[in-house]
Amino acid sequence: MKKTRLAIIPLLAVAAAGVAGCGGSSKAAGIETAPSGGATEASVPTTPKPPPALAKKPVVTVPTGVAPTKLVTKDLVVGTGQTVKPGQTVTVNYVGDLYKTGNEFDSSWKAGQPATFPLTAGGVMQGWVQGIPGMKVGGRRELIIPASLAYGKSGRPPTIPPNSPLVFVVDLLSVSSS
């Protein structure tokens, strides 16, 4: 009988440790339970997940004919989230094409991550400063930007020639105050 008791004692010790770790009264063991709701997880900034309508890179359709001399905006998908106000910071996916050739010159999709910037002079071209406010998060907007509101007489060699009007399709993922 002594041998049986000796064999059972280690099993009881293991079982007791398992029960204590399963949520019994842990205060007696000097252990406190973590708060619920994931409050112990580290706060790590994440890239907003686009709504399903914005999950794929858009195709830019460059209009034919003479480029407009004023900014033209067109909502391709109307968002349902927060409305952007001038001066706020936005996170977007975008594709930019040259109006004259239809050649893509830039894309956050190609870079593999959205871009974040303030809608202020010096933060981004004037065509964006004027064309993005009023858009709602979850929306997709086409901007046809005349050269005067883009890179003007200097362009952005070698990709954007001088006096180039541009066409962008912009997906608004999030907005925050600057």
N, C-alpha and C. Protein backbone atom coordinates (compact mmCIF):
# COMPACT_ATOMS: atom_id res chain seq x y z
N MET A 1 0.81 -1.18 0.00
CA MET A 1 0.00 0.00 0.00
C MET A 1 0.85 1.24 0.00
N LYS A 2 2.04 1.22 0.62
CA LYS A 2 2.92 2.36 0.61
C LYS A 2 3.30 2.74 -0.81
N LYS A 3 3.57 1.76 -1.65
CA LYS A 3 3.98 2.03 -3.03
C LYS A 3 2.86 2.73 -3.78
N THR A 4 1.61 2.37 -3.56
CA THR A 4 0.49 2.98 -4.25
C THR A 4 0.37 4.44 -3.85
N ARG A 5 0.49 4.75 -2.55
CA ARG A 5 0.40 6.13 -2.09
C ARG A 5 1.51 6.96 -2.69
N LEU A 6 2.71 6.46 -2.73
CA LEU A 6 3.84 7.19 -3.28
C LEU A 6 3.64 7.48 -4.77
N ALA A 7 3.05 6.59 -5.50
CA ALA A 7 2.81 6.78 -6.92
C ALA A 7 1.69 7.80 -7.14
N ILE A 8 0.72 7.87 -6.26
CA ILE A 8 -0.42 8.78 -6.41
C ILE A 8 -0.04 10.21 -6.02
N ILE A 9 0.84 10.42 -5.07
CA ILE A 9 1.19 11.75 -4.59
C ILE A 9 1.71 12.64 -5.73
N PRO A 10 2.66 12.20 -6.58
CA PRO A 10 3.10 13.07 -7.68
C PRO A 10 1.96 13.37 -8.65
N LEU A 11 1.07 12.40 -8.90
CA LEU A 11 -0.06 12.64 -9.80
C LEU A 11 -1.00 13.69 -9.22
N LEU A 12 -1.25 13.64 -7.91
CA LEU A 12 -2.11 14.63 -7.27
C LEU A 12 -1.47 16.02 -7.33
N ALA A 13 -0.18 16.11 -7.17
CA ALA A 13 0.52 17.40 -7.24
C ALA A 13 0.39 18.01 -8.63
N VAL A 14 0.55 17.19 -9.67
CA VAL A 14 0.41 17.67 -11.05
C VAL A 14 -1.02 18.11 -11.30
N ALA A 15 -1.99 17.33 -10.85
CA ALA A 15 -3.40 17.66 -11.04
C ALA A 15 -3.74 18.96 -10.31
N ALA A 16 -3.25 19.15 -9.10
CA ALA A 16 -3.52 20.36 -8.33
C ALA A 16 -2.94 21.58 -9.03
N ALA A 17 -1.75 21.45 -9.57
CA ALA A 17 -1.13 22.57 -10.30
C ALA A 17 -1.93 22.90 -11.54
N GLY A 18 -2.43 21.90 -12.22
CA GLY A 18 -3.25 22.13 -13.42
C GLY A 18 -4.54 22.83 -13.08
N VAL A 19 -5.20 22.44 -11.99
CA VAL A 19 -6.46 23.08 -11.58
C VAL A 19 -6.20 24.52 -11.17
N ALA A 20 -5.12 24.79 -10.46
CA ALA A 20 -4.81 26.15 -10.02
C ALA A 20 -4.58 27.06 -11.22
N GLY A 21 -3.98 26.54 -12.27
CA GLY A 21 -3.73 27.33 -13.46
C GLY A 21 -4.94 27.49 -14.35
N CYS A 22 -6.03 26.81 -14.05
CA CYS A 22 -7.21 26.86 -14.91
C CYS A 22 -8.25 27.85 -14.44
N GLY A 23 -7.92 28.70 -13.53
CA GLY A 23 -8.86 29.75 -13.18
C GLY A 23 -9.57 29.57 -11.87
N GLY A 24 -9.09 28.71 -11.03
CA GLY A 24 -9.66 28.61 -9.70
C GLY A 24 -9.34 29.90 -8.96
N SER A 25 -9.36 29.91 -7.68
CA SER A 25 -9.03 31.10 -6.92
C SER A 25 -7.54 31.31 -7.00
N SER A 26 -7.11 32.17 -7.93
CA SER A 26 -5.69 32.36 -8.16
C SER A 26 -5.06 33.32 -7.17
N LYS A 27 -5.87 34.11 -6.45
CA LYS A 27 -5.30 35.05 -5.49
C LYS A 27 -4.60 34.31 -4.37
N ALA A 28 -5.10 33.13 -4.04
CA ALA A 28 -4.47 32.35 -2.99
C ALA A 28 -3.06 31.95 -3.41
N ALA A 29 -2.85 31.76 -4.69
CA ALA A 29 -1.53 31.36 -5.17
C ALA A 29 -0.66 32.58 -5.47
N GLY A 30 -1.19 33.82 -5.26
CA GLY A 30 -0.41 35.03 -5.53
C GLY A 30 -0.41 35.43 -6.99
N ILE A 31 -1.36 34.92 -7.74
CA ILE A 31 -1.44 35.22 -9.16
C ILE A 31 -2.74 35.95 -9.41
N GLU A 32 -2.69 37.04 -10.18
CA GLU A 32 -3.91 37.75 -10.53
C GLU A 32 -4.27 37.48 -11.97
N THR A 33 -5.56 37.39 -12.22
CA THR A 33 -6.06 37.14 -13.57
C THR A 33 -5.96 38.43 -14.38
N ALA A 34 -5.56 38.31 -15.63
CA ALA A 34 -5.47 39.47 -16.51
C ALA A 34 -6.87 40.03 -16.76
N PRO A 35 -6.96 41.37 -16.93
CA PRO A 35 -8.28 41.94 -17.22
C PRO A 35 -8.79 41.43 -18.56
N SER A 36 -10.10 41.41 -18.71
CA SER A 36 -10.67 40.92 -19.97
C SER A 36 -10.60 41.99 -21.03
N GLY A 37 -10.92 41.62 -22.25
CA GLY A 37 -10.98 42.58 -23.35
C GLY A 37 -9.64 42.84 -23.99
N GLY A 38 -8.64 42.04 -23.71
CA GLY A 38 -7.36 42.21 -24.38
C GLY A 38 -6.58 43.40 -23.88
N ALA A 39 -6.87 43.90 -22.70
CA ALA A 39 -6.21 45.09 -22.20
C ALA A 39 -4.71 44.89 -21.98
N THR A 40 -4.25 43.66 -21.97
CA THR A 40 -2.83 43.42 -21.76
C THR A 40 -2.05 43.37 -23.06
N GLU A 41 -2.75 43.39 -24.18
CA GLU A 41 -2.05 43.35 -25.47
C GLU A 41 -1.38 44.68 -25.73
N ALA A 42 -0.23 44.65 -26.39
CA ALA A 42 0.48 45.88 -26.73
C ALA A 42 -0.32 46.66 -27.77
N SER A 43 -0.28 47.96 -27.64
CA SER A 43 -0.97 48.82 -28.60
C SER A 43 -0.04 49.05 -29.78
N VAL A 44 -0.34 48.42 -30.89
CA VAL A 44 0.49 48.51 -32.08
C VAL A 44 -0.33 49.17 -33.18
N PRO A 45 0.18 50.28 -33.78
CA PRO A 45 -0.58 50.90 -34.85
C PRO A 45 -0.76 49.92 -36.01
N THR A 46 -1.93 49.93 -36.60
CA THR A 46 -2.20 49.05 -37.72
C THR A 46 -2.66 49.87 -38.91
N THR A 47 -2.45 49.34 -40.08
CA THR A 47 -2.95 49.96 -41.29
C THR A 47 -4.43 49.62 -41.39
N PRO A 48 -5.26 50.63 -41.61
CA PRO A 48 -6.69 50.33 -41.71
C PRO A 48 -6.97 49.35 -42.84
N LYS A 49 -7.90 48.44 -42.58
CA LYS A 49 -8.28 47.47 -43.60
C LYS A 49 -9.32 48.13 -44.50
N PRO A 50 -9.10 48.13 -45.80
CA PRO A 50 -10.06 48.78 -46.69
C PRO A 50 -11.38 48.02 -46.75
N PRO A 51 -12.48 48.77 -46.97
CA PRO A 51 -13.76 48.08 -47.17
C PRO A 51 -13.70 47.23 -48.43
N PRO A 52 -14.56 46.24 -48.56
CA PRO A 52 -14.50 45.33 -49.71
C PRO A 52 -14.49 46.05 -51.07
N ALA A 53 -15.24 47.14 -51.20
CA ALA A 53 -15.28 47.85 -52.48
C ALA A 53 -13.93 48.47 -52.84
N LEU A 54 -13.04 48.62 -51.85
CA LEU A 54 -11.74 49.23 -52.09
C LEU A 54 -10.59 48.25 -51.93
N ALA A 55 -10.88 46.99 -51.92
CA ALA A 55 -9.87 45.97 -51.65
C ALA A 55 -8.93 45.71 -52.82
N LYS A 56 -9.32 46.12 -54.03
CA LYS A 56 -8.48 45.88 -55.21
C LYS A 56 -8.06 47.20 -55.83
N LYS A 57 -6.87 47.18 -56.40
CA LYS A 57 -6.34 48.36 -57.09
C LYS A 57 -7.31 48.76 -58.22
N PRO A 58 -7.68 50.04 -58.25
CA PRO A 58 -8.61 50.48 -59.29
C PRO A 58 -7.91 50.66 -60.64
N VAL A 59 -8.70 50.62 -61.68
CA VAL A 59 -8.22 50.93 -63.02
C VAL A 59 -8.54 52.40 -63.26
N VAL A 60 -7.54 53.17 -63.65
CA VAL A 60 -7.75 54.58 -63.92
C VAL A 60 -8.18 54.73 -65.38
N THR A 61 -9.29 55.41 -65.57
CA THR A 61 -9.78 55.67 -66.93
C THR A 61 -9.52 57.15 -67.21
N VAL A 62 -8.53 57.41 -68.06
CA VAL A 62 -8.19 58.79 -68.40
C VAL A 62 -9.15 59.27 -69.49
N PRO A 63 -9.81 60.40 -69.24
CA PRO A 63 -10.72 60.92 -70.25
C PRO A 63 -9.98 61.30 -71.54
N THR A 64 -10.71 61.34 -72.65
CA THR A 64 -10.11 61.78 -73.91
C THR A 64 -10.39 63.26 -74.08
N GLY A 65 -9.66 63.88 -74.96
CA GLY A 65 -9.86 65.30 -75.24
C GLY A 65 -8.93 66.17 -74.44
N VAL A 66 -9.21 67.45 -74.52
CA VAL A 66 -8.38 68.46 -73.85
C VAL A 66 -8.55 68.34 -72.34
N ALA A 67 -7.43 68.44 -71.64
CA ALA A 67 -7.46 68.36 -70.19
C ALA A 67 -8.16 69.58 -69.60
N PRO A 68 -8.94 69.39 -68.55
CA PRO A 68 -9.60 70.53 -67.91
C PRO A 68 -8.59 71.48 -67.28
N THR A 69 -8.95 72.74 -67.18
CA THR A 69 -8.06 73.74 -66.57
C THR A 69 -8.42 73.97 -65.11
N LYS A 70 -9.50 73.35 -64.65
CA LYS A 70 -9.91 73.42 -63.24
C LYS A 70 -9.99 72.01 -62.68
N LEU A 71 -9.88 71.91 -61.38
CA LEU A 71 -9.97 70.62 -60.69
C LEU A 71 -11.34 69.99 -60.93
N VAL A 72 -11.32 68.70 -61.27
CA VAL A 72 -12.56 67.94 -61.46
C VAL A 72 -12.54 66.77 -60.48
N THR A 73 -13.61 66.62 -59.70
CA THR A 73 -13.71 65.49 -58.77
C THR A 73 -14.96 64.69 -59.09
N LYS A 74 -14.86 63.38 -58.91
CA LYS A 74 -16.00 62.51 -59.15
C LYS A 74 -15.91 61.35 -58.16
N ASP A 75 -16.97 61.17 -57.37
CA ASP A 75 -17.01 60.05 -56.44
C ASP A 75 -17.39 58.79 -57.19
N LEU A 76 -16.48 57.80 -57.19
CA LEU A 76 -16.72 56.52 -57.84
C LEU A 76 -17.40 55.55 -56.87
N VAL A 77 -17.04 55.67 -55.58
CA VAL A 77 -17.69 54.93 -54.50
C VAL A 77 -17.90 55.95 -53.39
N VAL A 78 -19.12 56.11 -52.94
CA VAL A 78 -19.39 57.05 -51.86
C VAL A 78 -19.17 56.33 -50.53
N GLY A 79 -18.30 56.89 -49.71
CA GLY A 79 -18.01 56.30 -48.41
C GLY A 79 -19.14 56.52 -47.43
N THR A 80 -19.06 55.83 -46.30
CA THR A 80 -20.09 55.96 -45.27
C THR A 80 -19.50 56.40 -43.93
N GLY A 81 -18.19 56.60 -43.90
CA GLY A 81 -17.52 56.96 -42.66
C GLY A 81 -17.40 58.46 -42.47
N GLN A 82 -16.44 58.84 -41.65
CA GLN A 82 -16.17 60.23 -41.30
C GLN A 82 -15.85 61.05 -42.55
N THR A 83 -16.31 62.28 -42.58
CA THR A 83 -16.06 63.20 -43.69
C THR A 83 -14.77 63.96 -43.43
N VAL A 84 -13.92 64.04 -44.44
CA VAL A 84 -12.64 64.75 -44.34
C VAL A 84 -12.88 66.25 -44.39
N LYS A 85 -12.18 66.95 -43.51
CA LYS A 85 -12.21 68.41 -43.49
C LYS A 85 -10.82 68.91 -43.89
N PRO A 86 -10.74 70.13 -44.44
CA PRO A 86 -9.43 70.68 -44.79
C PRO A 86 -8.47 70.67 -43.60
N GLY A 87 -7.22 70.36 -43.86
CA GLY A 87 -6.19 70.36 -42.82
C GLY A 87 -6.05 69.07 -42.04
N GLN A 88 -6.99 68.13 -42.18
CA GLN A 88 -6.87 66.87 -41.45
C GLN A 88 -5.83 65.97 -42.13
N THR A 89 -5.44 64.93 -41.42
CA THR A 89 -4.49 63.95 -41.94
C THR A 89 -5.28 62.75 -42.46
N VAL A 90 -4.92 62.30 -43.66
CA VAL A 90 -5.64 61.17 -44.28
C VAL A 90 -4.68 60.02 -44.54
N THR A 91 -5.25 58.82 -44.55
CA THR A 91 -4.55 57.62 -45.00
C THR A 91 -5.31 57.12 -46.21
N VAL A 92 -4.58 56.96 -47.31
CA VAL A 92 -5.21 56.63 -48.59
C VAL A 92 -4.41 55.60 -49.36
N ASN A 93 -5.09 54.92 -50.26
CA ASN A 93 -4.47 54.20 -51.35
C ASN A 93 -4.77 55.03 -52.58
N TYR A 94 -3.85 55.05 -53.53
CA TYR A 94 -4.08 55.86 -54.71
C TYR A 94 -3.31 55.31 -55.91
N VAL A 95 -3.78 55.70 -57.09
CA VAL A 95 -3.09 55.44 -58.35
C VAL A 95 -3.07 56.77 -59.09
N GLY A 96 -1.91 57.13 -59.64
CA GLY A 96 -1.79 58.37 -60.40
C GLY A 96 -1.33 58.10 -61.82
N ASP A 97 -2.05 58.66 -62.81
CA ASP A 97 -1.70 58.51 -64.23
C ASP A 97 -1.52 59.89 -64.86
N LEU A 98 -0.68 59.95 -65.88
CA LEU A 98 -0.54 61.17 -66.66
C LEU A 98 -1.77 61.32 -67.55
N TYR A 99 -2.35 62.50 -67.58
CA TYR A 99 -3.54 62.73 -68.39
C TYR A 99 -3.25 62.53 -69.88
N LYS A 100 -2.11 63.02 -70.34
CA LYS A 100 -1.80 62.99 -71.79
C LYS A 100 -1.53 61.60 -72.33
N THR A 101 -0.91 60.73 -71.53
CA THR A 101 -0.52 59.40 -72.03
C THR A 101 -1.27 58.25 -71.38
N GLY A 102 -1.83 58.49 -70.20
CA GLY A 102 -2.48 57.42 -69.46
C GLY A 102 -1.49 56.53 -68.73
N ASN A 103 -0.21 56.87 -68.77
CA ASN A 103 0.82 56.06 -68.09
C ASN A 103 0.78 56.29 -66.59
N GLU A 104 0.82 55.20 -65.86
CA GLU A 104 0.86 55.29 -64.39
C GLU A 104 2.24 55.79 -63.98
N PHE A 105 2.27 56.81 -63.12
CA PHE A 105 3.54 57.34 -62.64
C PHE A 105 3.76 57.07 -61.16
N ASP A 106 2.69 56.75 -60.41
CA ASP A 106 2.83 56.49 -58.99
C ASP A 106 1.63 55.71 -58.48
N SER A 107 1.84 54.91 -57.43
CA SER A 107 0.76 54.14 -56.85
C SER A 107 1.16 53.62 -55.48
N SER A 108 0.30 53.85 -54.50
CA SER A 108 0.54 53.27 -53.17
C SER A 108 0.38 51.76 -53.24
N TRP A 109 -0.45 51.29 -54.17
CA TRP A 109 -0.66 49.84 -54.35
C TRP A 109 0.66 49.18 -54.74
N LYS A 110 1.39 49.84 -55.63
CA LYS A 110 2.67 49.30 -56.07
C LYS A 110 3.68 49.31 -54.93
N ALA A 111 3.61 50.35 -54.09
CA ALA A 111 4.50 50.45 -52.93
C ALA A 111 4.14 49.42 -51.86
N GLY A 112 2.92 48.91 -51.90
CA GLY A 112 2.52 47.87 -50.95
C GLY A 112 1.95 48.37 -49.65
N GLN A 113 1.75 49.69 -49.51
CA GLN A 113 1.13 50.21 -48.30
C GLN A 113 0.52 51.57 -48.57
N PRO A 114 -0.53 51.90 -47.83
CA PRO A 114 -1.18 53.20 -48.00
C PRO A 114 -0.24 54.35 -47.63
N ALA A 115 -0.60 55.54 -48.08
CA ALA A 115 0.15 56.75 -47.75
C ALA A 115 -0.65 57.56 -46.74
N THR A 116 0.05 58.22 -45.82
CA THR A 116 -0.58 59.08 -44.82
C THR A 116 0.06 60.45 -44.90
N PHE A 117 -0.76 61.49 -44.97
CA PHE A 117 -0.24 62.85 -45.05
C PHE A 117 -1.32 63.86 -44.68
N PRO A 118 -0.88 65.06 -44.26
CA PRO A 118 -1.85 66.11 -43.94
C PRO A 118 -2.32 66.80 -45.22
N LEU A 119 -3.58 67.21 -45.24
CA LEU A 119 -4.12 67.95 -46.38
C LEU A 119 -3.86 69.43 -46.17
N THR A 120 -2.57 69.76 -46.27
CA THR A 120 -2.14 71.14 -46.09
C THR A 120 -1.17 71.51 -47.20
N ALA A 121 -1.09 72.82 -47.48
CA ALA A 121 -0.11 73.31 -48.46
C ALA A 121 1.27 72.89 -47.99
N GLY A 122 2.04 72.33 -48.87
CA GLY A 122 3.36 71.83 -48.53
C GLY A 122 3.34 70.38 -48.11
N GLY A 123 2.20 69.88 -47.65
CA GLY A 123 2.08 68.48 -47.27
C GLY A 123 1.81 67.60 -48.48
N VAL A 124 1.11 68.18 -49.46
CA VAL A 124 0.71 67.45 -50.65
C VAL A 124 0.30 68.49 -51.71
N MET A 125 0.20 68.08 -52.97
CA MET A 125 -0.13 69.03 -54.03
C MET A 125 -1.51 69.67 -53.82
N GLN A 126 -1.68 70.88 -54.32
CA GLN A 126 -2.92 71.64 -54.14
C GLN A 126 -4.15 70.91 -54.67
N GLY A 127 -4.01 70.12 -55.72
CA GLY A 127 -5.14 69.37 -56.25
C GLY A 127 -5.71 68.41 -55.22
N TRP A 128 -4.86 67.85 -54.36
CA TRP A 128 -5.32 66.97 -53.29
C TRP A 128 -5.89 67.79 -52.13
N VAL A 129 -5.21 68.91 -51.79
CA VAL A 129 -5.67 69.77 -50.70
C VAL A 129 -7.10 70.24 -50.98
N GLN A 130 -7.40 70.54 -52.26
CA GLN A 130 -8.73 71.00 -52.64
C GLN A 130 -9.69 69.86 -52.98
N GLY A 131 -9.18 68.73 -53.46
CA GLY A 131 -10.03 67.67 -53.99
C GLY A 131 -10.44 66.57 -53.03
N ILE A 132 -9.75 66.43 -51.90
CA ILE A 132 -10.07 65.35 -50.95
C ILE A 132 -11.10 65.77 -49.90
N PRO A 133 -11.06 67.02 -49.37
CA PRO A 133 -12.08 67.39 -48.38
C PRO A 133 -13.50 67.16 -48.91
N GLY A 134 -14.36 66.71 -48.00
CA GLY A 134 -15.74 66.38 -48.36
C GLY A 134 -15.91 64.90 -48.65
N MET A 135 -14.81 64.20 -48.88
CA MET A 135 -14.84 62.76 -49.12
C MET A 135 -15.12 62.06 -47.79
N LYS A 136 -15.76 60.89 -47.85
CA LYS A 136 -16.03 60.11 -46.64
C LYS A 136 -15.16 58.86 -46.63
N VAL A 137 -14.75 58.45 -45.42
CA VAL A 137 -13.96 57.23 -45.25
C VAL A 137 -14.73 56.07 -45.89
N GLY A 138 -14.00 55.25 -46.64
CA GLY A 138 -14.61 54.13 -47.37
C GLY A 138 -14.95 54.52 -48.80
N GLY A 139 -14.67 55.77 -49.17
CA GLY A 139 -14.99 56.24 -50.51
C GLY A 139 -13.81 56.15 -51.46
N ARG A 140 -14.15 56.18 -52.75
CA ARG A 140 -13.15 56.19 -53.83
C ARG A 140 -13.49 57.38 -54.72
N ARG A 141 -12.52 58.26 -54.95
CA ARG A 141 -12.75 59.47 -55.72
C ARG A 141 -11.72 59.61 -56.82
N GLU A 142 -12.22 60.05 -57.97
CA GLU A 142 -11.33 60.39 -59.09
C GLU A 142 -11.05 61.89 -59.03
N LEU A 143 -9.78 62.23 -59.18
CA LEU A 143 -9.36 63.63 -59.24
C LEU A 143 -8.68 63.86 -60.58
N ILE A 144 -9.14 64.83 -61.34
CA ILE A 144 -8.44 65.25 -62.55
C ILE A 144 -7.86 66.61 -62.19
N ILE A 145 -6.55 66.65 -62.09
CA ILE A 145 -5.86 67.81 -61.55
C ILE A 145 -5.10 68.54 -62.67
N PRO A 146 -5.44 69.81 -62.90
CA PRO A 146 -4.69 70.58 -63.90
C PRO A 146 -3.26 70.79 -63.42
N ALA A 147 -2.36 71.02 -64.35
CA ALA A 147 -0.93 71.19 -64.02
C ALA A 147 -0.73 72.28 -62.97
N SER A 148 -1.53 73.33 -63.01
CA SER A 148 -1.37 74.44 -62.06
C SER A 148 -1.63 74.03 -60.61
N LEU A 149 -2.38 72.95 -60.40
CA LEU A 149 -2.64 72.45 -59.04
C LEU A 149 -1.86 71.17 -58.75
N ALA A 150 -0.99 70.80 -59.71
CA ALA A 150 -0.15 69.60 -59.55
C ALA A 150 1.31 70.06 -59.39
N TYR A 151 2.15 69.74 -60.36
CA TYR A 151 3.58 70.10 -60.27
C TYR A 151 3.96 71.26 -61.18
N GLY A 152 2.97 71.84 -61.86
CA GLY A 152 3.17 73.07 -62.62
C GLY A 152 4.22 73.01 -63.71
N LYS A 153 4.87 74.16 -63.91
CA LYS A 153 5.85 74.32 -64.98
C LYS A 153 7.07 73.44 -64.82
N SER A 154 7.42 73.12 -63.58
CA SER A 154 8.63 72.32 -63.35
C SER A 154 8.39 70.82 -63.53
N GLY A 155 7.16 70.34 -63.31
CA GLY A 155 6.91 68.91 -63.38
C GLY A 155 7.64 68.19 -62.26
N ARG A 156 7.88 66.91 -62.45
CA ARG A 156 8.66 66.09 -61.52
C ARG A 156 9.49 65.13 -62.34
N PRO A 157 10.53 65.67 -63.02
CA PRO A 157 11.34 64.81 -63.90
C PRO A 157 11.95 63.65 -63.12
N PRO A 158 12.14 62.51 -63.70
CA PRO A 158 11.84 62.19 -65.10
C PRO A 158 10.44 61.63 -65.30
N THR A 159 9.68 61.46 -64.22
CA THR A 159 8.39 60.78 -64.33
C THR A 159 7.26 61.66 -64.82
N ILE A 160 7.22 62.89 -64.33
CA ILE A 160 6.12 63.80 -64.67
C ILE A 160 6.69 65.00 -65.43
N PRO A 161 6.37 65.11 -66.72
CA PRO A 161 6.88 66.24 -67.51
C PRO A 161 6.30 67.57 -67.04
N PRO A 162 6.96 68.67 -67.39
CA PRO A 162 6.42 70.00 -67.06
C PRO A 162 5.00 70.17 -67.62
N ASN A 163 4.19 70.96 -66.92
CA ASN A 163 2.82 71.30 -67.34
C ASN A 163 1.94 70.07 -67.59
N SER A 164 2.06 69.09 -66.73
CA SER A 164 1.29 67.84 -66.89
C SER A 164 0.05 67.81 -66.01
N PRO A 165 -1.13 67.72 -66.63
CA PRO A 165 -2.31 67.42 -65.84
C PRO A 165 -2.27 65.96 -65.41
N LEU A 166 -2.87 65.66 -64.27
CA LEU A 166 -2.80 64.31 -63.70
C LEU A 166 -4.19 63.78 -63.38
N VAL A 167 -4.31 62.45 -63.39
CA VAL A 167 -5.55 61.79 -63.00
C VAL A 167 -5.21 60.83 -61.87
N PHE A 168 -5.93 60.97 -60.75
CA PHE A 168 -5.75 60.08 -59.61
C PHE A 168 -7.07 59.39 -59.29
N VAL A 169 -6.97 58.16 -58.81
CA VAL A 169 -8.09 57.51 -58.15
C VAL A 169 -7.62 57.27 -56.72
N VAL A 170 -8.36 57.84 -55.77
CA VAL A 170 -7.97 57.86 -54.37
C VAL A 170 -9.01 57.11 -53.52
N ASP A 171 -8.54 56.18 -52.70
CA ASP A 171 -9.39 55.44 -51.76
C ASP A 171 -9.10 55.99 -50.37
N LEU A 172 -10.10 56.52 -49.70
CA LEU A 172 -9.93 57.09 -48.36
C LEU A 172 -10.13 56.00 -47.31
N LEU A 173 -9.04 55.67 -46.60
CA LEU A 173 -9.08 54.60 -45.59
C LEU A 173 -9.33 55.11 -44.18
N SER A 174 -8.77 56.27 -43.85
CA SER A 174 -9.00 56.84 -42.52
C SER A 174 -8.67 58.32 -42.52
N VAL A 175 -9.15 59.00 -41.49
CA VAL A 175 -8.91 60.43 -41.32
C VAL A 175 -8.70 60.73 -39.85
N SER A 176 -7.79 61.67 -39.57
CA SER A 176 -7.58 62.08 -38.19
C SER A 176 -7.23 63.57 -38.18
N SER A 177 -7.41 64.19 -37.04
CA SER A 177 -7.07 65.61 -36.92
C SER A 177 -5.57 65.74 -36.79
N SER A 178 -5.04 66.78 -37.38
CA SER A 178 -3.58 67.00 -37.34
C SER A 178 -3.14 67.53 -36.01
